[in-house]
Amino acid sequence: MSQVHHVTPTLLDLPVEILLDIFGYLDAYELVRARQVCNDVRQVINSSSALLYSIDLKYFNTIPDPLPGPDRTAPSLRKSLRQSEAAWQKAEYYKRNPIPIPYTPDMYRWSCGVLGFPVELEALQQISFFQPPLADGYSNTTSLHQWDCQIDSALALRLAHFHFSPAQDLVILIARALPGESYAYDIIFRSLSEDKVHPEAASAVAKALHNEVGLEFFSPYSPKSSIFGDYYGVLFRNVKVDGEVADFLQIWNWKSKDKFHCLQVLDPACKTMNFNFLTNEKLLVVNMRDLLLYSLDHSANVLQLTAKFLLPALQNPFEYQGIGFSPISLHTPTYNSIIAISIDISGGGLTTKPCFTLYVERNTLLELESSYTSRYGKASENSSSLPWSSWGSNYTRSFEESSYDPCKHSVFGFRSVSLVGDQNSQHEPRPLCIRDFNPHRVVDFKAGNNTRWNQRLIEGKAPNSSLFLEPLGSGLPYIETITEEKFLATDITMEANRVTLLSFEFVSTITMPQAGEQSLVEHKVVQSMEVLDFE
């Protein structure tokens, strides 16, 4: 009598197409663990460029390219990503010829590699925006893409501040309200590419500090503002209301009238200096003592304080004079980013104003929220702050400069760029320093898994400054690369695969004399945008 043997199929008995469909539901970390199960699973995953591309995106902390096209297949995207990362590691770039800027930038801002600044013409005023051409096979185009936001003369007289986001085709103007109005500022939402109201704005104009009774005057400090996705916020400092001085932080969901909108009053005694969105639900506020983490409470339209982190204490009589943030470059919450916190210090007869920059991971601040709650409970204005020694020394990296230098600490994701050395009156060219804080790359570099090129690992070092009572942060090891080429620039910004320098050169023009006259020599500074593409 014959016997029937029942064989239980295993996962690997399934067709490869079905296995790939199953593995497609795993995230990058789960795929990495799955590849360690056995050689058969590894071979299946390795056969899929799409799965390997998703692993690479997480490894390099990169947002996938959203643009469609015939060359946007997973193999080509993965190849492009790896080529770009290799270019950063080897400090290899394509350098375009400097592109002259038709106007002299003043009161300018950067966003996504676009330079914006007000321009005064004969009949009107405008805010002009300039972008170098995108990488297109190493062409040497000598023209900038330009947009103009026209401002009539009446609005120009009231204009106090502007902000913009090329990713959202958004320009925001802050203008002082007309005399007699019951609010302080008009917040105007315009399109960047077209001279009209932004089509997604819930209202063309929002009112700032509306119905604040007894509003008398504002401090000369310009407002601080931040854009993050659907949210826009403005910090108004030293506002006098009914004889009392206060700081106000106002947040809008600029795309909807019915969603989040709040006005938070901050204690002026704490000297609030700046703020920045971390995610769509979290923002960071800094004063002369603490970093304050807030959540957006949509049910009550308020900001809810959730954690407080002490900054390193200063020696007497030094004090924090100004603190700023680098903008969050990666708005997708699943990708991490370095935040650069720049600190100016004054007092004690300092002949210069030394500047310290603290690097910290965005996700670290979000994770420390639970540490704060377990230690102190629910945060409040009167609750304790997490000491610097409990978070700063281990989770931050500190840098010191003799004074503020705009050519330092431009950040995108886990990478930052700076020109080496101090900016001085001699305007000497300086090499470019690339720092990579990607923890995956640091681990592999330590293990010797990758070619080192001309890179070096920096860890365990921090500035030893007599201005502070506590040791500064020496966490966050990084890989450093310094270019051989030197650059002459007054400012720097970076994107995913590009560094843009605001460069300059001195040009002398000799006018040939008429008979009996002397020749005339005219000197002027020509400013340009110099682009380095790491492709």
Protein backbone atom coordinates (compact mmCIF):
# COMPACT_ATOMS: atom_id res chain seq x y z
CA MET A 1 0.00 0.00 0.00
CA SER A 2 1.47 3.32 -1.07
CA GLN A 3 1.94 6.11 1.47
CA VAL A 4 1.20 9.79 0.94
CA HIS A 5 3.81 12.15 2.35
CA HIS A 6 2.63 15.67 3.17
CA VAL A 7 5.37 18.23 2.73
CA THR A 8 4.87 21.58 4.44
CA PRO A 9 6.02 24.36 2.09
CA THR A 10 8.38 26.97 3.48
CA LEU A 11 8.65 30.62 2.69
CA LEU A 12 11.45 30.00 0.22
CA ASP A 13 9.28 27.57 -1.75
CA LEU A 14 7.22 30.52 -2.95
CA PRO A 15 8.01 32.02 -6.36
CA VAL A 16 10.58 34.82 -6.31
CA GLU A 17 7.97 37.32 -7.55
CA ILE A 18 5.76 36.63 -4.50
CA LEU A 19 8.75 36.78 -2.14
CA LEU A 20 9.70 40.17 -3.52
CA ASP A 21 6.13 41.38 -3.05
CA ILE A 22 6.22 40.22 0.59
CA PHE A 23 9.62 41.79 1.26
CA GLY A 24 8.31 45.02 -0.25
CA TYR A 25 6.24 45.54 2.92
CA LEU A 26 9.38 45.62 5.10
CA ASP A 27 11.16 48.84 5.98
CA ALA A 28 14.88 49.32 5.37
CA TYR A 29 15.97 48.07 8.81
CA GLU A 30 13.76 44.97 8.51
CA LEU A 31 15.22 44.27 5.07
CA VAL A 32 18.75 44.48 6.46
CA ARG A 33 17.84 41.98 9.20
CA ALA A 34 16.10 39.71 6.68
CA ARG A 35 19.27 39.60 4.54
CA GLN A 36 21.07 38.14 7.56
CA VAL A 37 18.67 35.17 7.89
CA CYS A 38 20.27 33.03 5.19
CA ASN A 39 21.96 33.20 1.80
CA ASP A 40 18.74 32.36 -0.05
CA VAL A 41 16.87 35.34 1.43
CA ARG A 42 19.90 37.57 0.83
CA GLN A 43 20.00 36.54 -2.84
CA VAL A 44 16.29 37.25 -3.29
CA ILE A 45 16.59 40.75 -1.78
CA ASN A 46 19.80 41.43 -3.69
CA SER A 47 18.00 40.59 -6.94
CA SER A 48 15.68 43.58 -6.49
CA SER A 49 17.07 47.03 -7.25
CA ALA A 50 13.95 48.54 -5.70
CA LEU A 51 14.58 46.86 -2.33
CA LEU A 52 18.28 47.72 -2.39
CA TYR A 53 17.41 51.33 -3.26
CA SER A 54 15.09 51.56 -0.23
CA ILE A 55 17.96 50.27 1.96
CA ASP A 56 20.34 52.84 0.48
CA LEU A 57 17.85 55.67 1.04
CA LYS A 58 17.73 54.83 4.74
CA TYR A 59 21.47 54.23 5.01
CA PHE A 60 22.29 57.60 3.44
CA ASN A 61 19.28 59.33 5.11
CA THR A 62 18.00 60.54 1.74
CA ILE A 63 14.49 61.35 0.49
CA PRO A 64 13.62 59.49 -2.75
CA ASP A 65 13.65 61.55 -5.94
CA PRO A 66 9.99 62.47 -6.65
CA LEU A 67 10.45 63.42 -10.31
CA PRO A 68 9.05 60.96 -12.87
CA GLY A 69 10.83 60.09 -16.10
CA PRO A 70 12.33 57.29 -18.17
CA ASP A 71 15.63 57.47 -16.26
CA ARG A 72 13.93 57.32 -12.86
CA THR A 73 13.96 53.56 -12.55
CA ALA A 74 15.19 51.97 -9.33
CA PRO A 75 18.55 50.86 -10.84
CA SER A 76 19.31 54.33 -12.26
CA LEU A 77 18.20 56.11 -9.07
CA ARG A 78 20.33 53.82 -6.92
CA LYS A 79 23.33 54.33 -9.19
CA SER A 80 22.88 58.11 -9.10
CA LEU A 81 22.55 58.10 -5.29
CA ARG A 82 25.71 56.06 -4.82
CA GLN A 83 27.67 58.18 -7.30
CA SER A 84 26.64 61.34 -5.46
CA GLU A 85 27.60 59.90 -2.07
CA ALA A 86 30.97 58.83 -3.46
CA ALA A 87 31.50 62.36 -4.80
CA TRP A 88 30.88 63.81 -1.33
CA GLN A 89 33.24 61.30 0.27
CA LYS A 90 36.02 62.04 -2.23
CA ALA A 91 35.24 65.79 -2.33
CA GLU A 92 34.84 65.57 -6.11
CA TYR A 93 32.51 68.11 -7.69
CA TYR A 94 31.75 69.88 -10.91
CA LYS A 95 32.41 73.58 -10.51
CA ARG A 96 30.41 75.98 -12.64
CA ASN A 97 31.74 79.37 -13.69
CA PRO A 98 30.60 82.11 -11.26
CA ILE A 99 27.28 83.59 -12.38
CA PRO A 100 27.01 87.36 -11.72
CA ILE A 101 24.04 88.65 -9.72
CA PRO A 102 22.46 91.69 -11.43
CA TYR A 103 21.85 93.49 -8.13
CA THR A 104 23.82 93.81 -4.91
CA PRO A 105 22.22 91.49 -2.31
CA ASP A 106 21.13 93.22 0.88
CA MET A 107 18.97 91.79 3.68
CA TYR A 108 18.97 88.51 1.77
CA ARG A 109 17.70 85.03 2.67
CA TRP A 110 18.46 81.52 1.39
CA SER A 111 15.98 78.69 0.90
CA CYS A 112 16.57 75.47 -1.07
CA GLY A 113 19.52 77.04 -2.89
CA VAL A 114 17.47 80.08 -3.94
CA LEU A 115 18.68 83.57 -2.96
CA GLY A 116 16.04 86.23 -2.24
CA PHE A 117 16.40 89.92 -1.36
CA PRO A 118 14.55 93.24 -1.79
CA VAL A 119 15.42 95.37 -4.83
CA GLU A 120 14.55 99.04 -5.14
CA LEU A 121 13.91 100.21 -8.69
CA GLU A 122 12.90 103.66 -9.92
CA ALA A 123 9.15 103.19 -9.98
CA LEU A 124 8.56 100.25 -7.66
CA GLN A 125 10.08 97.83 -5.24
CA GLN A 126 10.31 94.07 -5.62
CA ILE A 127 11.75 91.02 -3.95
CA SER A 128 13.91 89.20 -6.46
CA PHE A 129 14.78 85.51 -6.27
CA PHE A 130 17.72 83.89 -8.06
CA GLN A 131 18.50 80.22 -8.59
CA PRO A 132 21.50 78.76 -10.43
CA PRO A 133 20.60 76.31 -13.21
CA LEU A 134 20.09 72.71 -12.22
CA ALA A 135 22.76 70.14 -13.01
CA ASP A 136 22.25 69.11 -16.63
CA GLY A 137 25.23 67.22 -17.88
CA TYR A 138 27.93 69.74 -16.97
CA SER A 139 26.73 72.66 -19.02
CA ASN A 140 28.24 75.99 -18.08
CA THR A 141 25.16 78.21 -18.28
CA THR A 142 25.97 81.76 -17.23
CA SER A 143 22.44 82.92 -16.39
CA LEU A 144 20.33 82.67 -13.25
CA HIS A 145 16.69 81.73 -13.11
CA GLN A 146 14.90 84.80 -11.71
CA TRP A 147 11.48 85.41 -10.14
CA ASP A 148 10.20 88.79 -8.99
CA CYS A 149 7.54 89.51 -6.38
CA GLN A 150 6.26 93.01 -7.17
CA ILE A 151 5.44 95.32 -4.25
CA ASP A 152 3.58 98.60 -4.69
CA SER A 153 4.98 101.74 -3.09
CA ALA A 154 2.40 101.82 -0.27
CA LEU A 155 3.14 98.23 0.77
CA ALA A 156 6.89 98.76 0.40
CA LEU A 157 6.80 101.46 3.07
CA ARG A 158 5.15 99.03 5.49
CA LEU A 159 7.25 95.94 4.66
CA ALA A 160 9.08 94.63 7.74
CA HIS A 161 10.11 91.10 6.85
CA PHE A 162 9.76 88.36 4.24
CA HIS A 163 10.18 84.59 4.06
CA PHE A 164 9.86 82.10 1.22
CA SER A 165 9.75 78.41 0.38
CA PRO A 166 10.56 77.38 -3.22
CA ALA A 167 9.38 73.83 -2.44
CA GLN A 168 5.89 75.21 -1.84
CA ASP A 169 6.05 78.07 -4.36
CA LEU A 170 5.41 80.39 -1.41
CA VAL A 171 6.43 83.95 -0.51
CA ILE A 172 5.26 85.45 2.78
CA LEU A 173 5.41 89.20 3.38
CA ILE A 174 5.07 90.77 6.83
CA ALA A 175 3.85 94.37 6.61
CA ARG A 176 2.97 96.77 9.40
CA ALA A 177 -0.76 97.34 9.67
CA LEU A 178 -2.23 100.65 8.58
CA PRO A 179 -2.78 103.28 11.31
CA GLY A 180 -5.98 102.75 13.29
CA GLU A 181 -6.22 98.99 12.73
CA SER A 182 -6.87 96.66 15.68
CA TYR A 183 -3.92 94.41 14.80
CA ALA A 184 -0.20 94.90 14.30
CA TYR A 185 0.86 93.22 11.05
CA ASP A 186 -0.53 91.94 7.77
CA ILE A 187 0.77 88.47 6.86
CA ILE A 188 0.49 88.18 3.06
CA PHE A 189 0.71 84.83 1.25
CA ARG A 190 1.90 85.09 -2.37
CA SER A 191 3.00 82.70 -5.09
CA LEU A 192 6.72 82.63 -5.80
CA SER A 193 6.47 81.76 -9.49
CA GLU A 194 3.46 83.99 -10.31
CA ASP A 195 2.67 87.48 -9.11
CA LYS A 196 -0.59 86.57 -7.37
CA VAL A 197 -2.09 85.19 -4.15
CA HIS A 198 -0.90 81.67 -3.41
CA PRO A 199 -3.63 79.32 -4.73
CA GLU A 200 -3.52 77.08 -1.62
CA ALA A 201 -3.66 79.90 0.94
CA ALA A 202 -6.83 79.87 3.03
CA SER A 203 -6.71 83.66 3.02
CA ALA A 204 -4.69 86.17 1.04
CA VAL A 205 -3.90 88.09 4.22
CA ALA A 206 -3.81 86.99 7.88
CA LYS A 207 -3.75 89.36 10.85
CA ALA A 208 -0.97 89.18 13.42
CA LEU A 209 -1.46 90.21 17.06
CA HIS A 210 -5.15 90.82 16.45
CA ASN A 211 -7.18 92.56 19.20
CA GLU A 212 -4.22 92.89 21.58
CA VAL A 213 -5.58 95.74 23.69
CA GLY A 214 -3.27 98.67 24.39
CA LEU A 215 -0.65 97.73 21.85
CA GLU A 216 1.74 100.66 21.78
CA PHE A 217 4.99 99.90 19.99
CA PHE A 218 7.36 97.25 18.83
CA SER A 219 11.00 96.70 19.50
CA PRO A 220 13.36 97.44 16.59
CA TYR A 221 14.14 93.70 16.40
CA SER A 222 12.83 92.24 13.17
CA PRO A 223 10.38 89.34 13.55
CA LYS A 224 11.72 85.77 13.46
CA SER A 225 9.78 83.43 11.20
CA SER A 226 9.73 79.80 10.11
CA ILE A 227 7.87 77.76 7.46
CA PHE A 228 7.31 74.02 7.81
CA GLY A 229 4.80 72.30 5.55
CA ASP A 230 1.34 73.71 6.24
CA TYR A 231 2.54 75.81 9.18
CA TYR A 232 3.97 79.28 9.41
CA GLY A 233 5.10 80.94 12.62
CA VAL A 234 6.35 84.39 13.64
CA LEU A 235 8.10 85.41 16.86
CA PHE A 236 7.48 89.04 17.89
CA ARG A 237 9.86 90.14 20.65
CA ASN A 238 9.57 92.99 23.17
CA VAL A 239 6.01 93.98 22.34
CA LYS A 240 4.52 96.56 24.70
CA VAL A 241 0.89 95.89 25.61
CA ASP A 242 -0.93 97.95 28.27
CA GLY A 243 2.39 99.13 29.65
CA GLU A 244 3.75 95.58 30.00
CA VAL A 245 6.35 94.03 27.71
CA ALA A 246 5.84 90.51 26.34
CA ASP A 247 7.05 88.19 23.60
CA PHE A 248 4.47 86.61 21.27
CA LEU A 249 4.74 83.49 19.14
CA GLN A 250 1.94 83.18 16.58
CA ILE A 251 1.40 80.01 14.52
CA TRP A 252 -0.93 79.55 11.53
CA ASN A 253 -1.98 76.64 9.39
CA TRP A 254 -1.78 78.88 6.35
CA LYS A 255 -3.72 76.46 4.13
CA SER A 256 -6.86 76.24 6.29
CA LYS A 257 -8.91 78.72 8.31
CA ASP A 258 -10.51 75.94 10.36
CA LYS A 259 -7.33 74.22 11.50
CA PHE A 260 -4.58 75.14 13.93
CA HIS A 261 -3.99 78.79 14.84
CA CYS A 262 -2.62 80.01 18.16
CA LEU A 263 -1.01 83.00 19.85
CA GLN A 264 1.41 82.06 22.63
CA VAL A 265 2.59 84.63 25.17
CA LEU A 266 6.18 84.10 26.32
CA ASP A 267 7.82 85.58 29.40
CA PRO A 268 10.10 88.45 28.25
CA ALA A 269 12.29 87.96 31.33
CA CYS A 270 13.51 84.73 29.73
CA LYS A 271 14.61 86.68 26.63
CA THR A 272 13.20 84.41 23.95
CA MET A 273 15.57 84.55 20.99
CA ASN A 274 14.36 82.21 18.28
CA PHE A 275 12.25 79.20 17.33
CA ASN A 276 12.15 76.48 14.71
CA PHE A 277 9.76 73.72 13.64
CA LEU A 278 11.09 70.20 14.18
CA THR A 279 8.07 68.39 12.69
CA ASN A 280 4.48 69.23 11.80
CA GLU A 281 3.59 68.68 15.45
CA LYS A 282 6.70 69.85 17.36
CA LEU A 283 8.64 73.08 17.57
CA LEU A 284 11.69 74.25 19.46
CA VAL A 285 11.94 77.63 21.22
CA VAL A 286 15.22 78.95 22.63
CA ASN A 287 15.79 81.62 25.27
CA MET A 288 18.93 82.73 27.08
CA ARG A 289 18.71 79.70 29.40
CA ASP A 290 16.80 76.79 27.83
CA LEU A 291 15.69 74.92 24.77
CA LEU A 292 11.91 74.48 25.10
CA LEU A 293 10.06 71.73 23.23
CA TYR A 294 6.40 72.41 22.40
CA SER A 295 3.63 70.30 20.86
CA LEU A 296 0.80 71.73 18.79
CA ASP A 297 -2.42 70.98 20.70
CA HIS A 298 -5.03 71.02 17.94
CA SER A 299 -8.00 70.47 20.26
CA ALA A 300 -7.36 73.68 22.20
CA ASN A 301 -5.37 75.65 19.60
CA VAL A 302 -2.47 76.17 22.00
CA LEU A 303 1.18 75.25 22.26
CA GLN A 304 1.77 72.65 24.97
CA LEU A 305 5.18 72.73 26.67
CA THR A 306 6.50 69.14 26.81
CA ALA A 307 10.22 69.36 27.74
CA LYS A 308 12.94 71.81 28.80
CA PHE A 309 16.68 71.41 28.21
CA LEU A 310 19.27 73.64 29.88
CA LEU A 311 21.97 75.23 27.77
CA PRO A 312 25.55 75.09 29.14
CA ALA A 313 25.99 77.59 31.97
CA LEU A 314 28.28 80.57 31.36
CA GLN A 315 30.88 82.09 33.63
CA ASN A 316 29.98 85.46 35.14
CA PRO A 317 29.72 88.11 33.59
CA PHE A 318 29.24 86.49 30.16
CA GLU A 319 25.76 86.05 28.68
CA TYR A 320 24.07 84.73 25.58
CA GLN A 321 23.44 87.57 23.18
CA GLY A 322 21.89 85.82 20.20
CA ILE A 323 20.88 82.25 19.33
CA GLY A 324 19.80 80.97 15.93
CA PHE A 325 18.86 77.69 14.27
CA SER A 326 19.64 76.09 10.96
CA PRO A 327 16.36 75.31 9.14
CA ILE A 328 15.23 71.68 9.01
CA SER A 329 16.12 70.54 5.49
CA LEU A 330 14.31 67.18 5.49
CA HIS A 331 10.61 67.75 6.25
CA THR A 332 9.77 64.03 6.09
CA PRO A 333 9.52 62.78 9.70
CA THR A 334 10.99 59.36 8.84
CA TYR A 335 14.34 61.00 7.99
CA ASN A 336 16.62 62.50 10.59
CA SER A 337 18.55 65.76 10.43
CA ILE A 338 21.26 67.67 12.22
CA ILE A 339 20.24 70.98 13.81
CA ALA A 340 22.95 73.62 14.11
CA ILE A 341 22.35 75.99 17.04
CA SER A 342 24.55 79.08 16.70
CA ILE A 343 25.28 81.05 19.88
CA ASP A 344 26.80 84.53 20.20
CA ILE A 345 28.29 85.48 23.56
CA SER A 346 29.01 88.96 24.96
CA GLY A 347 30.15 90.55 28.21
CA GLY A 348 33.32 90.57 30.27
CA GLY A 349 35.14 93.09 28.11
CA LEU A 350 35.38 90.77 25.10
CA THR A 351 36.99 92.53 22.15
CA THR A 352 35.20 90.15 19.76
CA LYS A 353 31.95 88.25 20.07
CA PRO A 354 32.88 84.56 20.05
CA CYS A 355 30.42 82.25 18.36
CA PHE A 356 29.77 78.65 19.37
CA THR A 357 27.75 76.20 17.31
CA LEU A 358 26.09 73.15 18.86
CA TYR A 359 25.06 70.26 16.62
CA VAL A 360 22.31 67.91 17.78
CA GLU A 361 20.14 65.39 15.96
CA ARG A 362 16.47 66.32 15.61
CA ASN A 363 15.40 62.81 16.62
CA THR A 364 17.54 63.02 19.76
CA LEU A 365 15.56 66.04 20.98
CA LEU A 366 12.29 64.26 20.24
CA GLU A 367 13.45 61.12 22.08
CA LEU A 368 14.66 63.13 25.09
CA GLU A 369 11.08 64.30 25.58
CA SER A 370 10.22 60.93 27.15
CA SER A 371 13.36 61.10 29.32
CA TYR A 372 12.23 64.48 30.58
CA THR A 373 8.70 63.24 31.35
CA SER A 374 9.92 60.16 33.23
CA ARG A 375 12.22 62.33 35.34
CA TYR A 376 10.09 65.43 36.00
CA GLY A 377 6.55 64.56 34.92
CA LYS A 378 4.46 66.97 32.89
CA ALA A 379 6.38 70.07 31.83
CA SER A 380 5.24 73.54 32.87
CA GLU A 381 6.65 77.05 32.98
CA ASN A 382 7.77 76.42 36.59
CA SER A 383 9.07 72.86 36.20
CA SER A 384 12.76 71.98 36.23
CA SER A 385 14.90 71.70 33.11
CA LEU A 386 16.97 68.69 32.11
CA PRO A 387 20.55 69.66 33.06
CA TRP A 388 23.10 70.17 30.32
CA SER A 389 25.25 67.43 31.86
CA SER A 390 22.36 64.94 31.33
CA TRP A 391 22.01 65.55 27.62
CA GLY A 392 24.36 68.12 26.11
CA SER A 393 27.76 66.59 26.77
CA ASN A 394 26.80 63.22 25.24
CA TYR A 395 24.37 64.15 22.47
CA THR A 396 25.86 67.33 20.98
CA ARG A 397 28.98 68.35 19.10
CA SER A 398 30.42 71.82 19.72
CA PHE A 399 32.46 74.12 17.47
CA GLU A 400 34.03 77.49 18.30
CA GLU A 401 34.77 80.49 16.08
CA SER A 402 36.26 83.83 17.09
CA SER A 403 33.22 85.63 15.65
CA TYR A 404 30.12 84.99 13.59
CA ASP A 405 30.91 83.73 10.09
CA PRO A 406 28.09 83.15 7.55
CA CYS A 407 30.38 80.73 5.68
CA LYS A 408 30.08 78.20 8.50
CA HIS A 409 27.71 75.37 9.37
CA SER A 410 25.30 75.13 6.46
CA VAL A 411 23.40 71.90 7.10
CA PHE A 412 21.43 69.44 5.00
CA GLY A 413 20.38 66.14 6.58
CA PHE A 414 23.40 64.60 8.32
CA ARG A 415 25.93 66.66 6.36
CA SER A 416 27.32 70.17 6.89
CA VAL A 417 29.75 72.40 5.01
CA SER A 418 31.96 75.28 6.18
CA LEU A 419 34.89 77.27 4.89
CA VAL A 420 37.97 76.54 6.99
CA GLY A 421 39.47 79.23 9.23
CA ASP A 422 38.26 82.64 10.30
CA GLN A 423 36.80 85.25 8.01
CA ASN A 424 39.13 88.28 8.03
CA SER A 425 39.51 91.66 6.41
CA GLN A 426 42.12 90.30 3.97
CA HIS A 427 39.47 88.20 2.20
CA GLU A 428 41.78 85.24 1.69
CA PRO A 429 40.45 82.13 -0.09
CA ARG A 430 39.64 79.21 2.19
CA PRO A 431 39.18 75.45 1.60
CA LEU A 432 35.80 73.78 2.03
CA CYS A 433 35.28 71.41 4.97
CA ILE A 434 32.63 68.67 4.57
CA ARG A 435 31.42 66.97 7.76
CA ASP A 436 29.31 63.81 7.61
CA PHE A 437 27.49 62.92 10.85
CA ASN A 438 25.66 59.91 9.36
CA PRO A 439 25.92 57.27 12.14
CA HIS A 440 25.77 54.38 9.63
CA ARG A 441 28.78 55.76 7.75
CA VAL A 442 30.67 56.45 10.98
CA VAL A 443 30.21 52.81 12.11
CA ASP A 444 31.37 51.46 8.74
CA PHE A 445 34.31 53.88 8.66
CA LYS A 446 35.45 52.67 12.09
CA ALA A 447 35.13 49.07 10.94
CA GLY A 448 37.16 49.78 7.81
CA ASN A 449 34.33 48.69 5.52
CA ASN A 450 34.71 51.55 3.03
CA THR A 451 37.52 53.24 1.14
CA ARG A 452 38.80 56.14 3.23
CA TRP A 453 39.93 58.44 0.40
CA ASN A 454 41.25 61.61 2.12
CA GLN A 455 38.73 61.47 4.98
CA ARG A 456 39.37 61.30 8.70
CA LEU A 457 37.22 60.38 11.70
CA ILE A 458 36.73 63.04 14.39
CA GLU A 459 35.43 61.97 17.79
CA GLY A 460 35.85 62.75 21.45
CA LYS A 461 37.04 66.33 21.05
CA ALA A 462 35.29 69.51 22.19
CA PRO A 463 36.36 73.16 22.55
CA ASN A 464 37.89 73.87 25.94
CA SER A 465 36.47 77.33 26.57
CA SER A 466 36.93 79.40 29.71
CA LEU A 467 33.59 81.12 29.02
CA PHE A 468 31.58 78.10 30.23
CA LEU A 469 31.12 76.52 33.64
CA GLU A 470 30.43 73.10 32.08
CA PRO A 471 32.23 71.00 29.45
CA LEU A 472 30.81 71.42 25.97
CA GLY A 473 29.45 68.52 23.93
CA SER A 474 31.85 65.94 22.49
CA GLY A 475 29.28 63.45 21.18
CA LEU A 476 28.27 62.99 17.54
CA PRO A 477 31.43 61.63 15.87
CA TYR A 478 31.77 62.61 12.23
CA ILE A 479 33.83 62.02 9.09
CA GLU A 480 35.65 65.07 7.77
CA THR A 481 36.85 65.85 4.25
CA ILE A 482 38.67 69.07 3.25
CA THR A 483 39.03 70.20 -0.35
CA GLU A 484 42.34 71.16 -1.90
CA GLU A 485 40.70 74.03 -3.77
CA LYS A 486 40.10 77.29 -1.91
CA PHE A 487 37.15 79.65 -2.28
CA LEU A 488 36.56 83.36 -1.74
CA ALA A 489 33.01 83.85 -0.48
CA THR A 490 30.84 85.84 1.91
CA ASP A 491 28.12 83.21 2.45
CA ILE A 492 27.38 79.55 1.80
CA THR A 493 24.35 77.28 1.54
CA MET A 494 23.87 73.63 0.64
CA GLU A 495 21.23 71.27 -0.71
CA ALA A 496 21.20 67.52 -1.22
CA ASN A 497 23.95 67.42 -3.86
CA ARG A 498 24.99 71.04 -4.22
CA VAL A 499 26.95 73.76 -2.45
CA THR A 500 26.29 77.35 -3.49
CA LEU A 501 28.73 80.11 -2.55
CA LEU A 502 27.99 83.82 -2.60
CA SER A 503 31.35 84.85 -4.02
CA PHE A 504 32.85 88.18 -5.01
CA GLU A 505 35.74 89.73 -6.86
CA PHE A 506 37.21 93.22 -7.06
CA VAL A 507 36.98 94.72 -10.55
CA SER A 508 38.86 97.84 -11.63
CA THR A 509 37.74 99.84 -14.65
CA ILE A 510 40.09 102.39 -16.26
CA THR A 511 38.50 105.23 -18.22
CA MET A 512 40.81 106.53 -20.92
CA PRO A 513 41.39 110.29 -20.48
CA GLN A 514 40.53 113.06 -22.88
CA ALA A 515 43.31 115.38 -23.94
CA GLY A 516 44.68 117.15 -20.88
CA GLU A 517 42.77 114.98 -18.40
CA GLN A 518 43.90 112.21 -16.07
CA SER A 519 42.69 108.63 -16.42
CA LEU A 520 39.93 107.60 -14.01
CA VAL A 521 40.12 104.27 -12.16
CA GLU A 522 36.86 102.96 -10.74
CA HIS A 523 36.82 100.05 -8.27
CA LYS A 524 33.76 97.96 -7.57
CA VAL A 525 32.82 94.60 -6.08
CA VAL A 526 31.03 92.13 -8.36
CA GLN A 527 29.05 89.46 -6.51
CA SER A 528 28.29 86.10 -8.07
CA MET A 529 26.85 82.69 -7.27
CA GLU A 530 29.41 79.90 -7.49
CA VAL A 531 28.03 76.35 -7.67
CA LEU A 532 29.65 73.02 -6.75
CA ASP A 533 27.63 69.99 -7.91
CA PHE A 534 28.38 66.67 -6.20
CA GLU A 535 26.86 64.34 -8.80
